[in-house]
Amino acid sequence: MGIKTTTSIRKAAAGVAAAVAVTGVTLFTTTGSAAAAPMGQGRVMLCSQGSYSSMLSFHWPDPPGPATGGRAYTTLVAPGTCGAWNIPKGSETVEVMGQWHTSVNQFTLGTFKATSESNPGVKVYTKGTTGNAAASAYFEMKRT
């Protein structure tokens, strides 16, 4: 539901920033009260609580991975909003990314393991700012 699969990714200096081509994908936006509700098995919610937009990238192990290259991306979630998706079947790692205010380039905040089969539901909150080369940007993850 609402995930775009793509292989277009370029890593930038120090492996921190990545420019990702993301096209139109359906986003399920939720309110603050929905952010407090538990997620179901195989679901993930992303809430951008920092001063920047954020997104998730789902990774498949190599091989087998899907024919499109082993990654699927959510849409960007604007600051102060949340989005929720099903974790794609077969993916094992979730990468949390933020987007710079001044460009379409993204930077990596970190990763965690989650699958659609074993995950009880995950909530991810991105926080901080992109100031000082995103040194204060971070994320928190809670299994529900």
N, C-alpha and C. Protein backbone atom coordinates (compact mmCIF):
# COMPACT_ATOMS: atom_id res chain seq x y z
N MET A 1 0.84 -1.17 0.00
CA MET A 1 0.00 0.00 0.00
C MET A 1 0.88 1.23 0.00
N GLY A 2 0.94 1.93 -1.08
CA GLY A 2 1.61 3.21 -1.13
C GLY A 2 3.12 3.15 -1.13
N ILE A 3 3.74 2.12 -1.69
CA ILE A 3 5.19 2.06 -1.71
C ILE A 3 5.66 2.00 -3.15
N LYS A 4 6.65 2.80 -3.47
CA LYS A 4 7.23 2.87 -4.80
C LYS A 4 8.55 2.13 -4.77
N THR A 5 8.75 1.19 -5.67
CA THR A 5 10.00 0.47 -5.75
C THR A 5 10.86 1.11 -6.82
N THR A 6 12.13 1.35 -6.48
CA THR A 6 13.04 2.00 -7.42
C THR A 6 14.46 1.56 -7.14
N THR A 7 15.35 1.75 -8.09
CA THR A 7 16.75 1.42 -7.87
C THR A 7 17.63 2.65 -8.00
N SER A 8 17.05 3.82 -8.15
CA SER A 8 17.84 5.03 -8.38
C SER A 8 18.34 5.60 -7.06
N ILE A 9 19.59 5.31 -6.74
CA ILE A 9 20.17 5.86 -5.51
C ILE A 9 21.64 6.16 -5.75
N ARG A 10 22.08 7.31 -5.31
CA ARG A 10 23.49 7.71 -5.40
C ARG A 10 23.94 8.11 -4.01
N LYS A 11 25.02 7.51 -3.56
CA LYS A 11 25.56 7.88 -2.25
C LYS A 11 26.46 9.09 -2.40
N ALA A 12 26.37 10.00 -1.45
CA ALA A 12 27.19 11.22 -1.48
C ALA A 12 28.32 11.10 -0.46
N ALA A 13 29.04 12.18 -0.24
CA ALA A 13 30.22 12.20 0.60
C ALA A 13 29.96 11.59 1.96
N ALA A 14 30.91 10.82 2.44
CA ALA A 14 30.92 10.17 3.74
C ALA A 14 29.79 9.17 3.90
N GLY A 15 29.11 8.80 2.84
CA GLY A 15 28.04 7.81 2.90
C GLY A 15 26.85 8.26 3.70
N VAL A 16 26.73 9.54 3.98
CA VAL A 16 25.63 10.02 4.80
C VAL A 16 24.47 10.50 3.95
N ALA A 17 24.75 11.30 2.93
CA ALA A 17 23.67 11.85 2.11
C ALA A 17 23.43 10.94 0.93
N ALA A 18 22.16 10.84 0.52
CA ALA A 18 21.82 10.06 -0.67
C ALA A 18 20.76 10.81 -1.44
N ALA A 19 20.94 10.88 -2.74
CA ALA A 19 19.93 11.49 -3.60
C ALA A 19 19.07 10.37 -4.13
N VAL A 20 17.78 10.45 -3.90
CA VAL A 20 16.89 9.38 -4.28
C VAL A 20 15.79 9.92 -5.17
N ALA A 21 15.56 9.29 -6.28
CA ALA A 21 14.48 9.70 -7.17
C ALA A 21 13.20 9.05 -6.66
N VAL A 22 12.27 9.86 -6.20
CA VAL A 22 11.02 9.35 -5.67
C VAL A 22 9.89 9.97 -6.48
N THR A 23 9.00 9.13 -6.95
CA THR A 23 7.88 9.62 -7.74
C THR A 23 6.59 9.47 -6.95
N GLY A 24 5.48 9.92 -7.54
CA GLY A 24 4.19 9.94 -6.85
C GLY A 24 3.77 8.61 -6.28
N VAL A 25 3.49 8.58 -4.99
CA VAL A 25 3.04 7.40 -4.30
C VAL A 25 1.95 7.83 -3.33
N THR A 26 0.96 7.00 -3.13
CA THR A 26 -0.12 7.33 -2.21
C THR A 26 0.37 7.36 -0.78
N LEU A 27 0.06 8.40 -0.07
CA LEU A 27 0.47 8.55 1.32
C LEU A 27 -0.77 8.54 2.19
N PHE A 28 -0.76 7.71 3.23
CA PHE A 28 -1.83 7.66 4.19
C PHE A 28 -1.42 8.56 5.34
N THR A 29 -1.97 9.75 5.43
CA THR A 29 -1.61 10.71 6.46
C THR A 29 -2.52 10.53 7.66
N THR A 30 -1.94 10.61 8.84
CA THR A 30 -2.70 10.41 10.07
C THR A 30 -2.61 11.64 10.95
N THR A 31 -3.45 11.69 11.96
CA THR A 31 -3.43 12.79 12.90
C THR A 31 -2.61 12.40 14.12
N GLY A 32 -2.41 13.34 15.03
CA GLY A 32 -1.64 13.08 16.24
C GLY A 32 -2.21 11.94 17.06
N SER A 33 -3.53 11.81 17.15
CA SER A 33 -4.11 10.74 17.95
C SER A 33 -3.83 9.37 17.33
N ALA A 34 -3.75 9.30 16.00
CA ALA A 34 -3.42 8.04 15.35
C ALA A 34 -1.98 7.64 15.67
N ALA A 35 -1.11 8.60 15.88
CA ALA A 35 0.28 8.30 16.22
C ALA A 35 0.39 7.61 17.57
N ALA A 36 -0.62 7.76 18.43
CA ALA A 36 -0.62 7.13 19.74
C ALA A 36 -1.21 5.72 19.71
N ALA A 37 -1.97 5.37 18.67
CA ALA A 37 -2.61 4.06 18.57
C ALA A 37 -1.58 2.99 18.20
N PRO A 38 -1.76 1.74 18.67
CA PRO A 38 -0.81 0.68 18.32
C PRO A 38 -0.92 0.32 16.84
N MET A 39 0.20 -0.13 16.28
CA MET A 39 0.23 -0.58 14.89
C MET A 39 -0.02 -2.08 14.88
N GLY A 40 -0.49 -2.61 13.77
CA GLY A 40 -0.70 -4.04 13.63
C GLY A 40 0.54 -4.73 13.09
N GLN A 41 0.55 -6.05 13.12
CA GLN A 41 1.67 -6.83 12.61
C GLN A 41 1.95 -6.48 11.16
N GLY A 42 3.22 -6.32 10.84
CA GLY A 42 3.62 -6.03 9.48
C GLY A 42 3.39 -4.60 9.03
N ARG A 43 3.08 -3.70 9.95
CA ARG A 43 2.82 -2.29 9.62
C ARG A 43 3.92 -1.41 10.23
N VAL A 44 4.13 -0.27 9.60
CA VAL A 44 5.09 0.71 10.11
C VAL A 44 4.49 2.11 9.95
N MET A 45 4.65 2.93 10.97
CA MET A 45 4.21 4.32 10.93
C MET A 45 5.44 5.21 11.07
N LEU A 46 5.50 6.25 10.25
CA LEU A 46 6.58 7.22 10.32
C LEU A 46 5.99 8.58 10.64
N CYS A 47 6.46 9.22 11.70
CA CYS A 47 6.01 10.56 12.09
C CYS A 47 7.22 11.50 12.04
N SER A 48 7.12 12.54 11.24
CA SER A 48 8.18 13.55 11.13
C SER A 48 7.95 14.60 12.21
N GLN A 49 8.65 14.47 13.32
CA GLN A 49 8.49 15.40 14.42
C GLN A 49 9.62 16.42 14.47
N GLY A 50 10.58 16.31 13.55
CA GLY A 50 11.67 17.27 13.47
C GLY A 50 11.30 18.41 12.54
N SER A 51 12.30 19.18 12.14
CA SER A 51 12.07 20.33 11.27
C SER A 51 12.22 19.97 9.79
N TYR A 52 12.27 18.70 9.46
CA TYR A 52 12.51 18.25 8.09
C TYR A 52 11.56 17.11 7.73
N SER A 53 11.37 16.89 6.42
CA SER A 53 10.58 15.77 5.94
C SER A 53 11.41 14.50 6.06
N SER A 54 10.73 13.35 6.17
CA SER A 54 11.45 12.09 6.28
C SER A 54 10.73 11.01 5.47
N MET A 55 11.42 9.89 5.26
CA MET A 55 10.87 8.76 4.51
C MET A 55 11.56 7.48 4.96
N LEU A 56 11.01 6.34 4.52
CA LEU A 56 11.59 5.04 4.83
C LEU A 56 12.00 4.34 3.54
N SER A 57 13.04 3.54 3.63
CA SER A 57 13.49 2.70 2.52
C SER A 57 13.54 1.27 3.06
N PHE A 58 12.87 0.34 2.37
CA PHE A 58 12.84 -1.06 2.76
C PHE A 58 13.85 -1.82 1.90
N HIS A 59 14.66 -2.69 2.53
CA HIS A 59 15.72 -3.40 1.83
C HIS A 59 15.49 -4.90 1.88
N TRP A 60 15.68 -5.56 0.73
CA TRP A 60 15.66 -7.01 0.65
C TRP A 60 17.08 -7.52 0.73
N PRO A 61 17.28 -8.76 1.23
CA PRO A 61 18.64 -9.31 1.25
C PRO A 61 19.10 -9.58 -0.18
N ASP A 62 20.41 -9.58 -0.39
CA ASP A 62 20.98 -9.89 -1.71
C ASP A 62 21.57 -11.28 -1.69
N PRO A 63 21.26 -12.12 -2.69
CA PRO A 63 19.97 -12.17 -3.37
C PRO A 63 18.93 -12.73 -2.43
N PRO A 64 17.69 -12.91 -2.71
CA PRO A 64 17.13 -12.82 -4.04
C PRO A 64 16.68 -11.41 -4.38
N GLY A 65 16.00 -10.72 -3.49
CA GLY A 65 15.53 -9.37 -3.80
C GLY A 65 14.58 -9.35 -4.99
N PRO A 66 13.75 -8.35 -5.07
CA PRO A 66 12.86 -8.24 -6.23
C PRO A 66 13.65 -7.87 -7.48
N ALA A 67 13.08 -8.08 -8.61
CA ALA A 67 13.74 -7.82 -9.89
C ALA A 67 14.13 -6.36 -10.05
N THR A 68 13.53 -5.46 -9.26
CA THR A 68 13.80 -4.04 -9.41
C THR A 68 15.00 -3.56 -8.61
N GLY A 69 15.66 -4.43 -7.87
CA GLY A 69 16.91 -4.02 -7.25
C GLY A 69 16.98 -4.08 -5.74
N GLY A 70 15.97 -4.47 -5.04
CA GLY A 70 16.09 -4.69 -3.62
C GLY A 70 15.74 -3.57 -2.68
N ARG A 71 15.11 -2.49 -3.16
CA ARG A 71 14.68 -1.39 -2.28
C ARG A 71 13.29 -0.93 -2.67
N ALA A 72 12.56 -0.48 -1.68
CA ALA A 72 11.26 0.17 -1.91
C ALA A 72 11.21 1.37 -0.99
N TYR A 73 10.64 2.47 -1.48
CA TYR A 73 10.60 3.73 -0.73
C TYR A 73 9.17 4.16 -0.46
N THR A 74 8.98 4.79 0.69
CA THR A 74 7.69 5.44 0.96
C THR A 74 7.76 6.85 0.39
N THR A 75 6.65 7.54 0.44
CA THR A 75 6.66 8.95 0.08
C THR A 75 7.27 9.75 1.23
N LEU A 76 7.59 10.99 0.96
CA LEU A 76 8.08 11.88 2.02
C LEU A 76 6.94 12.22 2.96
N VAL A 77 7.26 12.28 4.24
CA VAL A 77 6.30 12.68 5.26
C VAL A 77 6.73 14.06 5.75
N ALA A 78 5.87 15.04 5.55
CA ALA A 78 6.18 16.43 5.91
C ALA A 78 6.27 16.60 7.42
N PRO A 79 7.03 17.60 7.88
CA PRO A 79 7.13 17.86 9.32
C PRO A 79 5.74 18.03 9.93
N GLY A 80 5.54 17.44 11.09
CA GLY A 80 4.27 17.55 11.80
C GLY A 80 3.20 16.58 11.34
N THR A 81 3.52 15.65 10.42
CA THR A 81 2.54 14.67 9.95
C THR A 81 3.11 13.26 10.08
N CYS A 82 2.23 12.28 9.86
CA CYS A 82 2.60 10.87 9.92
C CYS A 82 2.10 10.15 8.68
N GLY A 83 2.72 9.05 8.35
CA GLY A 83 2.27 8.17 7.29
C GLY A 83 2.39 6.73 7.77
N ALA A 84 1.58 5.82 7.23
CA ALA A 84 1.62 4.42 7.64
C ALA A 84 1.57 3.52 6.41
N TRP A 85 2.33 2.43 6.46
CA TRP A 85 2.42 1.49 5.35
C TRP A 85 2.55 0.07 5.85
N ASN A 86 2.29 -0.89 4.95
CA ASN A 86 2.63 -2.28 5.20
C ASN A 86 4.11 -2.45 4.91
N ILE A 87 4.79 -3.25 5.72
CA ILE A 87 6.18 -3.58 5.43
C ILE A 87 6.16 -4.57 4.27
N PRO A 88 6.90 -4.30 3.18
CA PRO A 88 6.86 -5.20 2.02
C PRO A 88 7.32 -6.61 2.37
N LYS A 89 6.62 -7.60 1.84
CA LYS A 89 6.96 -9.00 2.08
C LYS A 89 8.37 -9.29 1.57
N GLY A 90 9.17 -9.92 2.40
CA GLY A 90 10.53 -10.30 2.04
C GLY A 90 11.60 -9.29 2.42
N SER A 91 11.21 -8.04 2.70
CA SER A 91 12.22 -7.06 3.11
C SER A 91 12.62 -7.35 4.56
N GLU A 92 13.85 -7.00 4.91
CA GLU A 92 14.36 -7.31 6.24
C GLU A 92 14.88 -6.11 7.01
N THR A 93 15.29 -5.06 6.31
CA THR A 93 15.88 -3.90 6.95
C THR A 93 15.12 -2.65 6.54
N VAL A 94 14.91 -1.76 7.49
CA VAL A 94 14.25 -0.48 7.23
C VAL A 94 15.27 0.63 7.47
N GLU A 95 15.48 1.46 6.45
CA GLU A 95 16.37 2.61 6.55
C GLU A 95 15.52 3.86 6.77
N VAL A 96 15.88 4.66 7.76
CA VAL A 96 15.18 5.90 8.06
C VAL A 96 15.98 7.04 7.45
N MET A 97 15.29 7.88 6.65
CA MET A 97 15.97 8.95 5.92
C MET A 97 15.28 10.29 6.15
N GLY A 98 16.05 11.36 6.14
CA GLY A 98 15.52 12.71 6.20
C GLY A 98 15.82 13.41 4.88
N GLN A 99 15.14 14.51 4.62
CA GLN A 99 15.40 15.29 3.40
C GLN A 99 15.86 16.69 3.78
N TRP A 100 16.94 17.14 3.10
CA TRP A 100 17.46 18.48 3.33
C TRP A 100 16.41 19.52 2.92
N HIS A 101 16.41 20.65 3.61
CA HIS A 101 15.49 21.76 3.28
C HIS A 101 15.83 22.40 1.95
N THR A 102 17.09 22.36 1.56
CA THR A 102 17.58 23.13 0.42
C THR A 102 17.67 22.34 -0.88
N SER A 103 17.33 21.05 -0.87
CA SER A 103 17.43 20.25 -2.09
C SER A 103 16.51 19.03 -1.99
N VAL A 104 16.55 18.19 -3.02
CA VAL A 104 15.77 16.95 -3.00
C VAL A 104 16.60 15.79 -2.46
N ASN A 105 17.80 16.05 -2.01
CA ASN A 105 18.68 15.01 -1.50
C ASN A 105 18.26 14.57 -0.10
N GLN A 106 18.43 13.28 0.15
CA GLN A 106 18.13 12.71 1.46
C GLN A 106 19.41 12.34 2.18
N PHE A 107 19.32 12.19 3.51
CA PHE A 107 20.42 11.72 4.33
C PHE A 107 19.91 10.59 5.20
N THR A 108 20.80 9.68 5.56
CA THR A 108 20.42 8.51 6.34
C THR A 108 20.54 8.81 7.82
N LEU A 109 19.47 8.48 8.56
CA LEU A 109 19.47 8.62 10.02
C LEU A 109 19.87 7.32 10.70
N GLY A 110 19.63 6.19 10.06
CA GLY A 110 19.97 4.89 10.62
C GLY A 110 19.07 3.80 10.07
N THR A 111 19.25 2.58 10.55
CA THR A 111 18.47 1.43 10.10
C THR A 111 18.03 0.60 11.29
N PHE A 112 17.06 -0.27 11.06
CA PHE A 112 16.65 -1.26 12.04
C PHE A 112 16.06 -2.46 11.29
N LYS A 113 16.01 -3.60 11.96
CA LYS A 113 15.47 -4.82 11.36
C LYS A 113 13.98 -4.92 11.65
N ALA A 114 13.20 -5.23 10.61
CA ALA A 114 11.77 -5.47 10.75
C ALA A 114 11.28 -6.20 9.51
N THR A 115 10.43 -7.20 9.71
CA THR A 115 9.84 -7.93 8.59
C THR A 115 8.33 -7.93 8.71
N SER A 116 7.67 -8.19 7.61
CA SER A 116 6.20 -8.23 7.63
C SER A 116 5.69 -9.45 8.39
N GLU A 117 6.49 -10.51 8.45
CA GLU A 117 6.05 -11.74 9.09
C GLU A 117 6.24 -11.74 10.61
N SER A 118 7.34 -11.17 11.10
CA SER A 118 7.66 -11.28 12.52
C SER A 118 7.48 -9.98 13.29
N ASN A 119 7.32 -8.90 12.60
CA ASN A 119 7.24 -7.60 13.25
C ASN A 119 5.87 -7.37 13.88
N PRO A 120 5.81 -6.95 15.14
CA PRO A 120 4.51 -6.70 15.78
C PRO A 120 3.90 -5.35 15.39
N GLY A 121 4.61 -4.56 14.64
CA GLY A 121 4.20 -3.20 14.30
C GLY A 121 5.24 -2.24 14.85
N VAL A 122 5.60 -1.24 14.05
CA VAL A 122 6.67 -0.33 14.43
C VAL A 122 6.22 1.11 14.24
N LYS A 123 6.61 1.96 15.17
CA LYS A 123 6.42 3.41 15.04
C LYS A 123 7.79 4.06 15.03
N VAL A 124 8.02 4.93 14.04
CA VAL A 124 9.29 5.61 13.89
C VAL A 124 9.02 7.11 13.98
N TYR A 125 9.81 7.80 14.79
CA TYR A 125 9.68 9.24 14.97
C TYR A 125 11.01 9.90 14.60
N THR A 126 11.01 10.75 13.57
CA THR A 126 12.22 11.50 13.25
C THR A 126 12.17 12.82 14.01
N LYS A 127 13.32 13.24 14.52
CA LYS A 127 13.37 14.41 15.39
C LYS A 127 14.61 15.24 15.09
N GLY A 128 14.69 16.42 15.68
CA GLY A 128 15.84 17.29 15.52
C GLY A 128 15.73 18.19 14.30
N THR A 129 16.89 18.71 13.87
CA THR A 129 16.93 19.65 12.75
C THR A 129 18.01 19.23 11.76
N THR A 130 18.01 19.87 10.59
CA THR A 130 19.05 19.61 9.60
C THR A 130 20.21 20.59 9.74
N GLY A 131 20.16 21.48 10.73
CA GLY A 131 21.26 22.41 10.96
C GLY A 131 22.55 21.67 11.31
N ASN A 132 23.70 22.32 11.07
CA ASN A 132 25.01 21.77 11.38
C ASN A 132 25.19 20.39 10.72
N ALA A 133 24.88 20.33 9.42
CA ALA A 133 25.00 19.09 8.63
C ALA A 133 24.19 17.95 9.22
N ALA A 134 23.02 18.27 9.74
CA ALA A 134 22.07 17.29 10.32
C ALA A 134 22.64 16.59 11.55
N ALA A 135 23.58 17.23 12.24
CA ALA A 135 24.18 16.63 13.43
C ALA A 135 23.16 16.40 14.54
N SER A 136 22.08 17.18 14.57
CA SER A 136 21.09 17.01 15.63
C SER A 136 19.87 16.23 15.14
N ALA A 137 19.89 15.72 13.93
CA ALA A 137 18.77 14.92 13.41
C ALA A 137 18.92 13.48 13.88
N TYR A 138 17.83 12.88 14.33
CA TYR A 138 17.87 11.50 14.81
C TYR A 138 16.48 10.88 14.72
N PHE A 139 16.38 9.58 15.03
CA PHE A 139 15.07 8.94 15.04
C PHE A 139 14.94 8.04 16.26
N GLU A 140 13.72 7.81 16.65
CA GLU A 140 13.38 6.85 17.70
C GLU A 140 12.44 5.83 17.10
N MET A 141 12.59 4.57 17.49
CA MET A 141 11.76 3.50 16.98
C MET A 141 11.16 2.74 18.15
N LYS A 142 9.86 2.46 18.06
CA LYS A 142 9.16 1.70 19.11
C LYS A 142 8.36 0.59 18.46
N ARG A 143 8.52 -0.62 18.96
CA ARG A 143 7.70 -1.73 18.51
C ARG A 143 6.43 -1.74 19.35
N THR A 144 5.29 -1.91 18.68
CA THR A 144 4.01 -1.83 19.41
C THR A 144 3.36 -3.19 19.60
